[in-house]
Amino acid sequence: MEAISLTALAQEHLALARTASSGRSAHTVFGGHDHALRQTLIALAARQELAEHESPGEATIQVLTGLVRLTTTTDASQLAAGDIAVIPDERHGLHALEDCAVLLTVAQAL
């Protein structure tokens, strides 16, 4: 069994996000397009965002570091390190209120 330090991975990808022209960096922790379960660490520099998009399946977001705002067409929630939220089954976006790293977990039908 292999253990992965999400703390170390978050620090690594935050450093990459801060220097990337897009202001973000991501790494698939587990799964992929051929798995029903996929976990992705996403790092965003402050004031960067993931534009509004659809979810490919049931999903949660867990904030590892920083502060984010999860938005939908009808609502918004501010999430801090340690928070986890179910992503609503509607168009949504993610805005980094400060440098942040989140763990996105998606379960999709194969």
C-alpha atoms as a PDB file:
ATOM      1  CA  MET A   1       0.000   0.000   0.000  1.00  0.00           C
ATOM      2  CA  GLU A   2       1.357   3.399  -0.974  1.00  0.00           C
ATOM      3  CA  ALA A   3       0.646   6.500   1.100  1.00  0.00           C
ATOM      4  CA  ILE A   4       0.723   9.981  -0.416  1.00  0.00           C
ATOM      5  CA  SER A   5       1.250  13.143   1.596  1.00  0.00           C
ATOM      6  CA  LEU A   6      -1.473  15.537   0.480  1.00  0.00           C
ATOM      7  CA  THR A   7       0.275  18.262   2.478  1.00  0.00           C
ATOM      8  CA  ALA A   8       3.522  17.854   0.514  1.00  0.00           C
ATOM      9  CA  LEU A   9       1.651  17.525  -2.777  1.00  0.00           C
ATOM     10  CA  ALA A  10      -0.346  20.693  -2.028  1.00  0.00           C
ATOM     11  CA  GLN A  11       2.836  22.642  -1.250  1.00  0.00           C
ATOM     12  CA  GLU A  12       4.499  21.401  -4.447  1.00  0.00           C
ATOM     13  CA  HIS A  13       1.547  22.339  -6.652  1.00  0.00           C
ATOM     14  CA  LEU A  14       0.978  25.691  -4.943  1.00  0.00           C
ATOM     15  CA  ALA A  15       4.572  26.591  -5.833  1.00  0.00           C
ATOM     16  CA  LEU A  16       3.864  25.587  -9.445  1.00  0.00           C
ATOM     17  CA  ALA A  17       0.559  27.495  -9.520  1.00  0.00           C
ATOM     18  CA  ARG A  18       2.206  30.688  -8.284  1.00  0.00           C
ATOM     19  CA  THR A  19       4.586  30.696 -11.261  1.00  0.00           C
ATOM     20  CA  ALA A  20       2.249  29.297 -13.942  1.00  0.00           C
ATOM     21  CA  SER A  21       0.681  31.759 -16.388  1.00  0.00           C
ATOM     22  CA  SER A  22      -2.709  30.144 -15.665  1.00  0.00           C
ATOM     23  CA  GLY A  23      -2.226  30.525 -11.910  1.00  0.00           C
ATOM     24  CA  ARG A  24      -3.064  26.881 -11.320  1.00  0.00           C
ATOM     25  CA  SER A  25      -1.627  23.380 -11.164  1.00  0.00           C
ATOM     26  CA  ALA A  26      -3.275  19.975 -10.823  1.00  0.00           C
ATOM     27  CA  HIS A  27      -2.316  16.374 -10.173  1.00  0.00           C
ATOM     28  CA  THR A  28      -4.423  13.214 -10.394  1.00  0.00           C
ATOM     29  CA  VAL A  29      -3.956  11.507  -7.029  1.00  0.00           C
ATOM     30  CA  PHE A  30      -6.047   8.449  -7.855  1.00  0.00           C
ATOM     31  CA  GLY A  31      -8.034   7.163 -10.792  1.00  0.00           C
ATOM     32  CA  GLY A  32      -8.429   8.652 -14.198  1.00  0.00           C
ATOM     33  CA  HIS A  33     -10.786   8.405 -17.123  1.00  0.00           C
ATOM     34  CA  ASP A  34     -10.898   4.592 -16.893  1.00  0.00           C
ATOM     35  CA  HIS A  35     -11.920   4.567 -13.194  1.00  0.00           C
ATOM     36  CA  ALA A  36     -15.282   5.326 -11.602  1.00  0.00           C
ATOM     37  CA  LEU A  37     -13.531   7.212  -8.784  1.00  0.00           C
ATOM     38  CA  ARG A  38     -11.109  10.051  -9.512  1.00  0.00           C
ATOM     39  CA  GLN A  39      -9.304  12.269  -7.012  1.00  0.00           C
ATOM     40  CA  THR A  40      -7.465  15.357  -8.201  1.00  0.00           C
ATOM     41  CA  LEU A  41      -5.461  17.867  -6.212  1.00  0.00           C
ATOM     42  CA  ILE A  42      -5.973  21.360  -7.640  1.00  0.00           C
ATOM     43  CA  ALA A  43      -3.824  24.311  -6.561  1.00  0.00           C
ATOM     44  CA  LEU A  44      -4.880  27.873  -7.389  1.00  0.00           C
ATOM     45  CA  ALA A  45      -2.959  31.072  -6.777  1.00  0.00           C
ATOM     46  CA  ALA A  46      -4.932  33.854  -5.073  1.00  0.00           C
ATOM     47  CA  ARG A  47      -7.600  35.490  -7.277  1.00  0.00           C
ATOM     48  CA  GLN A  48      -7.514  32.688  -9.859  1.00  0.00           C
ATOM     49  CA  GLU A  49     -10.550  30.590 -10.716  1.00  0.00           C
ATOM     50  CA  LEU A  50     -11.947  27.549 -12.405  1.00  0.00           C
ATOM     51  CA  ALA A  51     -14.614  29.029 -14.646  1.00  0.00           C
ATOM     52  CA  GLU A  52     -18.185  27.809 -14.417  1.00  0.00           C
ATOM     53  CA  HIS A  53     -18.509  24.236 -15.704  1.00  0.00           C
ATOM     54  CA  GLU A  54     -20.563  21.037 -15.398  1.00  0.00           C
ATOM     55  CA  SER A  55     -19.640  18.133 -13.137  1.00  0.00           C
ATOM     56  CA  PRO A  56     -19.123  14.728 -14.798  1.00  0.00           C
ATOM     57  CA  GLY A  57     -20.647  12.917 -11.798  1.00  0.00           C
ATOM     58  CA  GLU A  58     -21.195  13.075  -8.058  1.00  0.00           C
ATOM     59  CA  ALA A  59     -18.393  15.122  -6.522  1.00  0.00           C
ATOM     60  CA  THR A  60     -17.019  16.616  -3.325  1.00  0.00           C
ATOM     61  CA  ILE A  61     -14.398  19.260  -2.723  1.00  0.00           C
ATOM     62  CA  GLN A  62     -12.183  19.282   0.353  1.00  0.00           C
ATOM     63  CA  VAL A  63     -10.105  22.369   1.062  1.00  0.00           C
ATOM     64  CA  LEU A  64      -6.583  21.377   2.108  1.00  0.00           C
ATOM     65  CA  THR A  65      -5.155  24.894   2.426  1.00  0.00           C
ATOM     66  CA  GLY A  66      -6.407  28.420   1.871  1.00  0.00           C
ATOM     67  CA  LEU A  67      -9.832  29.897   1.275  1.00  0.00           C
ATOM     68  CA  VAL A  68     -12.155  29.397  -1.729  1.00  0.00           C
ATOM     69  CA  ARG A  69     -15.619  30.353  -2.902  1.00  0.00           C
ATOM     70  CA  LEU A  70     -17.691  27.638  -4.573  1.00  0.00           C
ATOM     71  CA  THR A  71     -20.366  29.228  -6.754  1.00  0.00           C
ATOM     72  CA  THR A  72     -23.393  27.954  -8.632  1.00  0.00           C
ATOM     73  CA  THR A  73     -25.935  29.825 -10.707  1.00  0.00           C
ATOM     74  CA  THR A  74     -28.047  30.299  -7.565  1.00  0.00           C
ATOM     75  CA  ASP A  75     -25.724  30.138  -4.552  1.00  0.00           C
ATOM     76  CA  ALA A  76     -22.191  30.633  -3.200  1.00  0.00           C
ATOM     77  CA  SER A  77     -20.311  29.118  -0.258  1.00  0.00           C
ATOM     78  CA  GLN A  78     -17.020  30.146   1.270  1.00  0.00           C
ATOM     79  CA  LEU A  79     -14.875  27.167   2.296  1.00  0.00           C
ATOM     80  CA  ALA A  80     -11.708  27.161   4.407  1.00  0.00           C
ATOM     81  CA  ALA A  81      -8.992  24.608   5.119  1.00  0.00           C
ATOM     82  CA  GLY A  82     -10.574  21.513   6.654  1.00  0.00           C
ATOM     83  CA  ASP A  83     -13.991  22.081   5.034  1.00  0.00           C
ATOM     84  CA  ILE A  84     -15.582  19.572   2.687  1.00  0.00           C
ATOM     85  CA  ALA A  85     -18.652  20.202   0.542  1.00  0.00           C
ATOM     86  CA  VAL A  86     -20.789  18.284  -1.916  1.00  0.00           C
ATOM     87  CA  ILE A  87     -20.654  19.971  -5.300  1.00  0.00           C
ATOM     88  CA  PRO A  88     -24.217  20.599  -6.483  1.00  0.00           C
ATOM     89  CA  ASP A  89     -25.373  18.870  -9.665  1.00  0.00           C
ATOM     90  CA  GLU A  90     -25.460  22.124 -11.625  1.00  0.00           C
ATOM     91  CA  ARG A  91     -23.016  24.507 -13.281  1.00  0.00           C
ATOM     92  CA  HIS A  92     -20.453  25.694 -10.759  1.00  0.00           C
ATOM     93  CA  GLY A  93     -17.134  27.495 -10.459  1.00  0.00           C
ATOM     94  CA  LEU A  94     -14.325  27.803  -7.938  1.00  0.00           C
ATOM     95  CA  HIS A  95     -12.625  31.077  -6.981  1.00  0.00           C
ATOM     96  CA  ALA A  96      -9.417  31.280  -4.919  1.00  0.00           C
ATOM     97  CA  LEU A  97      -9.825  33.997  -2.310  1.00  0.00           C
ATOM     98  CA  GLU A  98      -6.216  33.280  -1.311  1.00  0.00           C
ATOM     99  CA  ASP A  99      -3.621  30.715  -2.402  1.00  0.00           C
ATOM    100  CA  CYS A 100      -5.352  27.370  -1.983  1.00  0.00           C
ATOM    101  CA  ALA A 101      -5.199  23.648  -2.637  1.00  0.00           C
ATOM    102  CA  VAL A 102      -8.290  21.467  -2.821  1.00  0.00           C
ATOM    103  CA  LEU A 103      -8.950  17.770  -3.267  1.00  0.00           C
ATOM    104  CA  LEU A 104     -11.667  17.138  -5.834  1.00  0.00           C
ATOM    105  CA  THR A 105     -13.258  13.689  -5.631  1.00  0.00           C
ATOM    106  CA  VAL A 106     -15.522  12.621  -8.503  1.00  0.00           C
ATOM    107  CA  ALA A 107     -17.503   9.385  -8.845  1.00  0.00           C
ATOM    108  CA  GLN A 108     -18.773   8.846 -12.357  1.00  0.00           C
ATOM    109  CA  ALA A 109     -20.560   6.042 -14.129  1.00  0.00           C
ATOM    110  CA  LEU A 110     -18.350   4.054 -16.484  1.00  0.00           C
END
